[in-house]
Amino acid sequence: MIATVHFADVGTRKTLSALRIRPDGRVDGLRFGTTAFAADIGGAFIPKLTVSRLAFVGFWDDDSALETFQNTHPLAEILADGWQVRLEPIRATGTWPGLPDIVASDGPDTQSPAAVLTLGRLRNSQALRFRRFSMIAERHAKSATGLIWATAIARPPLVATFSLWESAADLREYAYAAGGHTQVLEADRAQPFHHHSAFVRFRPTKSIGHLTGPNPLAEDWVNGSR
């Protein structure tokens, strides 16, 4: 299995149109795929949706499935002028459609770049409580050592975040530091926010394209040309 996360600044009208395209079950080799809005993180109670920026998350059987999608699917055409990162899963907790029951490898060197995707299908009854605790984690993340770029991804009831880190060591320091992220985990264990959720750590393998404004990664970042 491989994963990709795509963002494209295509304008509000095209983003809304693309959200109606549902690739799940219609693309050979696509285990899970969803379009969504991108949204700011940083601690505001109501996150600011970037309605002109389309997000897409895909879990694929292999590179061949991804290449077929990119060469033939209308959604891929909309995303083509944006940015994408290809990802190798290293470790996962929780459950999510398309995610193997067991994801584990030797893991990256602690000084290698790392990426994290959090996914949740939010319980309506927990929406306000979830947001209050999410604000805490976001504020800690914004000031965390080694954070390169982070964004929220939203298509309720789907709520997700994607973040890129200078190293796996920096990610680990943020994830286990007292107060921020750990406080959210404790709150979720006490009373789950989601019907189901997953936390997946990846090794970035390829960065392609660009976005309007500050870019998360230069092309071929993972090859040392950042």
Protein backbone atom coordinates (compact mmCIF):
# COMPACT_ATOMS: atom_id res chain seq x y z
CA MET A 1 0.00 0.00 0.00
CA ILE A 2 1.03 3.59 -0.69
CA ALA A 3 -0.73 6.87 0.10
CA THR A 4 -0.89 10.27 -1.51
CA VAL A 5 -2.07 13.64 -0.27
CA HIS A 6 -2.86 16.28 -2.90
CA PHE A 7 -3.71 19.98 -2.71
CA ALA A 8 -4.60 22.27 -5.59
CA ASP A 9 -5.54 25.95 -5.65
CA VAL A 10 -8.30 25.74 -8.23
CA GLY A 11 -10.77 28.40 -7.10
CA THR A 12 -14.00 28.11 -5.14
CA ARG A 13 -16.24 27.08 -8.03
CA LYS A 14 -13.97 24.27 -9.22
CA THR A 15 -13.39 23.06 -5.66
CA LEU A 16 -17.13 22.79 -5.04
CA SER A 17 -17.56 20.97 -8.33
CA ALA A 18 -14.73 18.55 -7.54
CA LEU A 19 -16.27 17.70 -4.17
CA ARG A 20 -19.12 16.03 -6.06
CA ILE A 21 -16.68 13.58 -7.66
CA ARG A 22 -16.57 10.44 -5.52
CA PRO A 23 -13.70 8.20 -6.64
CA ASP A 24 -14.21 5.49 -3.97
CA GLY A 25 -15.03 2.18 -5.65
CA ARG A 26 -14.69 3.68 -9.11
CA VAL A 27 -10.92 3.56 -9.53
CA ASP A 28 -9.10 0.24 -9.77
CA GLY A 29 -6.55 -0.08 -7.00
CA LEU A 30 -7.91 2.81 -4.94
CA ARG A 31 -8.57 1.50 -1.42
CA PHE A 32 -9.82 4.80 -0.01
CA GLY A 33 -10.16 8.22 -1.55
CA THR A 34 -11.89 11.44 -0.60
CA THR A 35 -12.01 15.03 -1.69
CA ALA A 36 -12.30 17.73 0.95
CA PHE A 37 -11.67 21.36 1.81
CA ALA A 38 -8.35 22.47 3.19
CA ALA A 39 -8.53 24.52 6.39
CA ASP A 40 -6.16 26.54 8.54
CA ILE A 41 -4.87 25.24 11.82
CA GLY A 42 -3.65 27.43 14.61
CA GLY A 43 -6.13 27.40 17.42
CA ALA A 44 -9.22 29.30 16.23
CA PHE A 45 -12.41 27.67 17.50
CA ILE A 46 -13.96 27.81 14.02
CA PRO A 47 -11.22 26.89 11.53
CA LYS A 48 -11.04 29.01 8.40
CA LEU A 49 -11.86 26.88 5.38
CA THR A 50 -9.71 27.58 2.34
CA VAL A 51 -12.60 26.99 -0.02
CA SER A 52 -10.49 27.66 -3.11
CA ARG A 53 -8.02 24.87 -2.17
CA LEU A 54 -9.07 21.33 -2.99
CA ALA A 55 -7.64 18.48 -0.92
CA PHE A 56 -7.56 14.80 -1.86
CA VAL A 57 -6.36 11.84 0.20
CA GLY A 58 -5.83 8.46 -1.45
CA PHE A 59 -4.74 5.00 -0.30
CA TRP A 60 -3.56 2.87 -3.23
CA ASP A 61 -2.66 -0.75 -3.84
CA ASP A 62 0.55 0.30 -5.59
CA ASP A 63 2.22 2.87 -7.84
CA SER A 64 0.51 1.42 -10.91
CA ALA A 65 -2.96 2.20 -9.51
CA LEU A 66 -1.92 5.77 -8.75
CA GLU A 67 -0.42 6.26 -12.21
CA THR A 68 -3.59 4.96 -13.87
CA PHE A 69 -5.68 7.40 -11.84
CA GLN A 70 -3.42 10.32 -12.73
CA ASN A 71 -3.49 9.48 -16.43
CA THR A 72 -7.21 8.80 -16.83
CA HIS A 73 -9.40 10.26 -14.08
CA PRO A 74 -11.14 13.68 -14.32
CA LEU A 75 -10.34 14.42 -10.67
CA ALA A 76 -6.65 13.93 -11.36
CA GLU A 77 -6.91 16.51 -14.13
CA ILE A 78 -8.28 19.06 -11.64
CA LEU A 79 -5.47 18.29 -9.20
CA ALA A 80 -2.72 18.26 -11.84
CA ASP A 81 -1.55 21.86 -11.37
CA GLY A 82 -1.30 21.55 -7.59
CA TRP A 83 1.03 19.76 -5.22
CA GLN A 84 1.19 16.17 -4.06
CA VAL A 85 3.35 14.07 -1.79
CA ARG A 86 3.70 10.31 -2.07
CA LEU A 87 3.95 8.44 1.19
CA GLU A 88 5.06 5.07 2.49
CA PRO A 89 3.18 4.03 5.65
CA ILE A 90 5.45 3.29 8.60
CA ARG A 91 3.08 2.80 11.51
CA ALA A 92 -0.63 3.21 12.20
CA THR A 93 -2.99 3.11 15.12
CA GLY A 94 -6.76 2.86 14.84
CA THR A 95 -8.84 1.72 11.88
CA TRP A 96 -9.78 3.31 8.59
CA PRO A 97 -11.21 2.07 5.27
CA GLY A 98 -8.38 0.94 3.00
CA LEU A 99 -5.80 0.88 5.76
CA PRO A 100 -4.27 -2.56 6.42
CA ASP A 101 -4.99 -4.14 9.78
CA ILE A 102 -1.26 -4.04 10.51
CA VAL A 103 1.04 -1.27 9.34
CA ALA A 104 4.54 -1.57 10.67
CA SER A 105 8.06 -1.43 9.34
CA ASP A 106 11.50 -0.83 10.69
CA GLY A 107 10.63 2.87 10.53
CA PRO A 108 12.70 5.76 9.27
CA ASP A 109 15.91 6.96 10.78
CA THR A 110 15.04 9.48 13.47
CA GLN A 111 16.65 12.22 11.40
CA SER A 112 14.69 11.41 8.24
CA PRO A 113 11.67 13.51 7.20
CA ALA A 114 8.29 12.36 8.48
CA ALA A 115 4.62 12.96 7.68
CA VAL A 116 1.48 12.31 9.71
CA LEU A 117 -2.12 11.93 8.65
CA THR A 118 -4.86 11.88 11.27
CA LEU A 119 -8.33 10.78 10.19
CA GLY A 120 -11.59 10.75 12.10
CA ARG A 121 -15.29 10.26 11.43
CA LEU A 122 -16.62 12.67 14.00
CA ARG A 123 -19.52 11.88 16.33
CA ASN A 124 -22.02 14.76 16.12
CA SER A 125 -22.42 14.75 19.88
CA GLN A 126 -18.68 15.29 20.33
CA ALA A 127 -18.14 18.09 17.80
CA LEU A 128 -17.79 20.99 20.26
CA ARG A 129 -15.73 18.97 22.72
CA PHE A 130 -13.48 17.72 19.92
CA ARG A 131 -12.88 21.24 18.68
CA ARG A 132 -11.96 22.53 22.15
CA PHE A 133 -9.29 19.86 22.55
CA SER A 134 -8.09 20.14 18.94
CA MET A 135 -7.31 23.80 19.51
CA ILE A 136 -4.85 22.80 22.24
CA ALA A 137 -2.99 20.38 19.95
CA GLU A 138 -2.94 22.86 17.07
CA ARG A 139 -1.44 25.64 19.17
CA HIS A 140 1.30 23.31 20.38
CA ALA A 141 1.96 22.08 16.84
CA LYS A 142 2.34 25.59 15.42
CA SER A 143 5.23 26.28 17.77
CA ALA A 144 6.73 22.77 17.73
CA THR A 145 10.35 22.28 16.75
CA GLY A 146 10.72 20.77 13.29
CA LEU A 147 7.20 21.41 11.97
CA ILE A 148 7.46 22.36 8.30
CA TRP A 149 3.81 22.61 7.31
CA ALA A 150 0.41 21.53 8.60
CA THR A 151 -3.16 21.84 7.43
CA ALA A 152 -6.59 20.61 8.37
CA ILE A 153 -8.70 18.66 5.89
CA ALA A 154 -12.46 18.73 6.37
CA ARG A 155 -15.51 17.16 4.82
CA PRO A 156 -17.83 16.56 7.78
CA PRO A 157 -18.14 14.08 9.32
CA LEU A 158 -14.56 13.55 8.07
CA VAL A 159 -12.05 15.63 10.01
CA ALA A 160 -8.35 15.20 9.34
CA THR A 161 -4.96 16.83 9.62
CA PHE A 162 -1.80 16.44 7.59
CA SER A 163 1.60 17.58 8.79
CA LEU A 164 5.20 17.41 7.58
CA TRP A 165 8.21 17.33 9.88
CA GLU A 166 11.91 17.87 9.49
CA SER A 167 12.58 14.58 11.24
CA ALA A 168 10.85 11.67 12.92
CA ALA A 169 12.59 12.73 16.14
CA ASP A 170 10.88 16.16 16.02
CA LEU A 171 7.53 14.51 15.39
CA ARG A 172 8.01 12.15 18.31
CA GLU A 173 8.96 15.01 20.62
CA TYR A 174 5.75 16.85 19.75
CA ALA A 175 3.54 13.76 19.97
CA TYR A 176 4.69 12.77 23.46
CA ALA A 177 5.25 16.18 25.03
CA ALA A 178 3.08 16.82 28.05
CA GLY A 179 0.08 19.06 27.61
CA GLY A 180 -0.72 19.40 23.92
CA HIS A 181 -1.19 16.28 21.82
CA THR A 182 -1.14 13.93 24.81
CA GLN A 183 -4.00 15.86 26.41
CA VAL A 184 -6.13 15.25 23.33
CA LEU A 185 -5.31 11.53 23.36
CA GLU A 186 -6.29 11.25 27.01
CA ALA A 187 -9.59 13.03 26.35
CA ASP A 188 -10.34 10.72 23.42
CA ARG A 189 -9.61 7.62 25.49
CA ALA A 190 -11.96 8.86 28.21
CA GLN A 191 -14.78 9.55 25.73
CA PRO A 192 -14.10 8.90 22.02
CA PHE A 193 -14.57 11.83 19.65
CA HIS A 194 -15.03 9.63 16.59
CA HIS A 195 -16.96 6.63 15.32
CA HIS A 196 -13.61 5.44 13.99
CA SER A 197 -10.24 7.09 13.55
CA ALA A 198 -6.63 6.46 12.58
CA PHE A 199 -3.23 8.03 13.14
CA VAL A 200 -0.76 7.12 10.40
CA ARG A 201 2.93 7.98 10.24
CA PHE A 202 4.61 7.98 6.84
CA ARG A 203 7.95 8.29 5.14
CA PRO A 204 7.63 10.87 2.32
CA THR A 205 9.06 9.44 -0.90
CA LYS A 206 8.29 12.07 -3.53
CA SER A 207 7.13 15.69 -3.64
CA ILE A 208 5.71 17.08 -6.88
CA GLY A 209 4.26 20.44 -7.93
CA HIS A 210 3.50 23.67 -6.11
CA LEU A 211 0.81 25.72 -4.39
CA THR A 212 -0.08 29.39 -4.30
CA GLY A 213 1.83 31.17 -1.55
CA PRO A 214 4.15 29.34 0.87
CA ASN A 215 4.81 25.80 -0.34
CA PRO A 216 4.93 22.85 2.05
CA LEU A 217 7.84 21.25 0.23
CA ALA A 218 9.99 21.95 -2.77
CA GLU A 219 9.99 19.33 -5.50
CA ASP A 220 12.24 16.39 -4.62
CA TRP A 221 12.45 17.63 -1.03
CA VAL A 222 12.94 14.11 0.21
CA ASN A 223 16.01 13.80 -1.98
CA GLY A 224 17.71 16.65 -0.16
CA SER A 225 17.06 19.57 -2.51
CA ARG A 226 14.90 21.55 -0.08
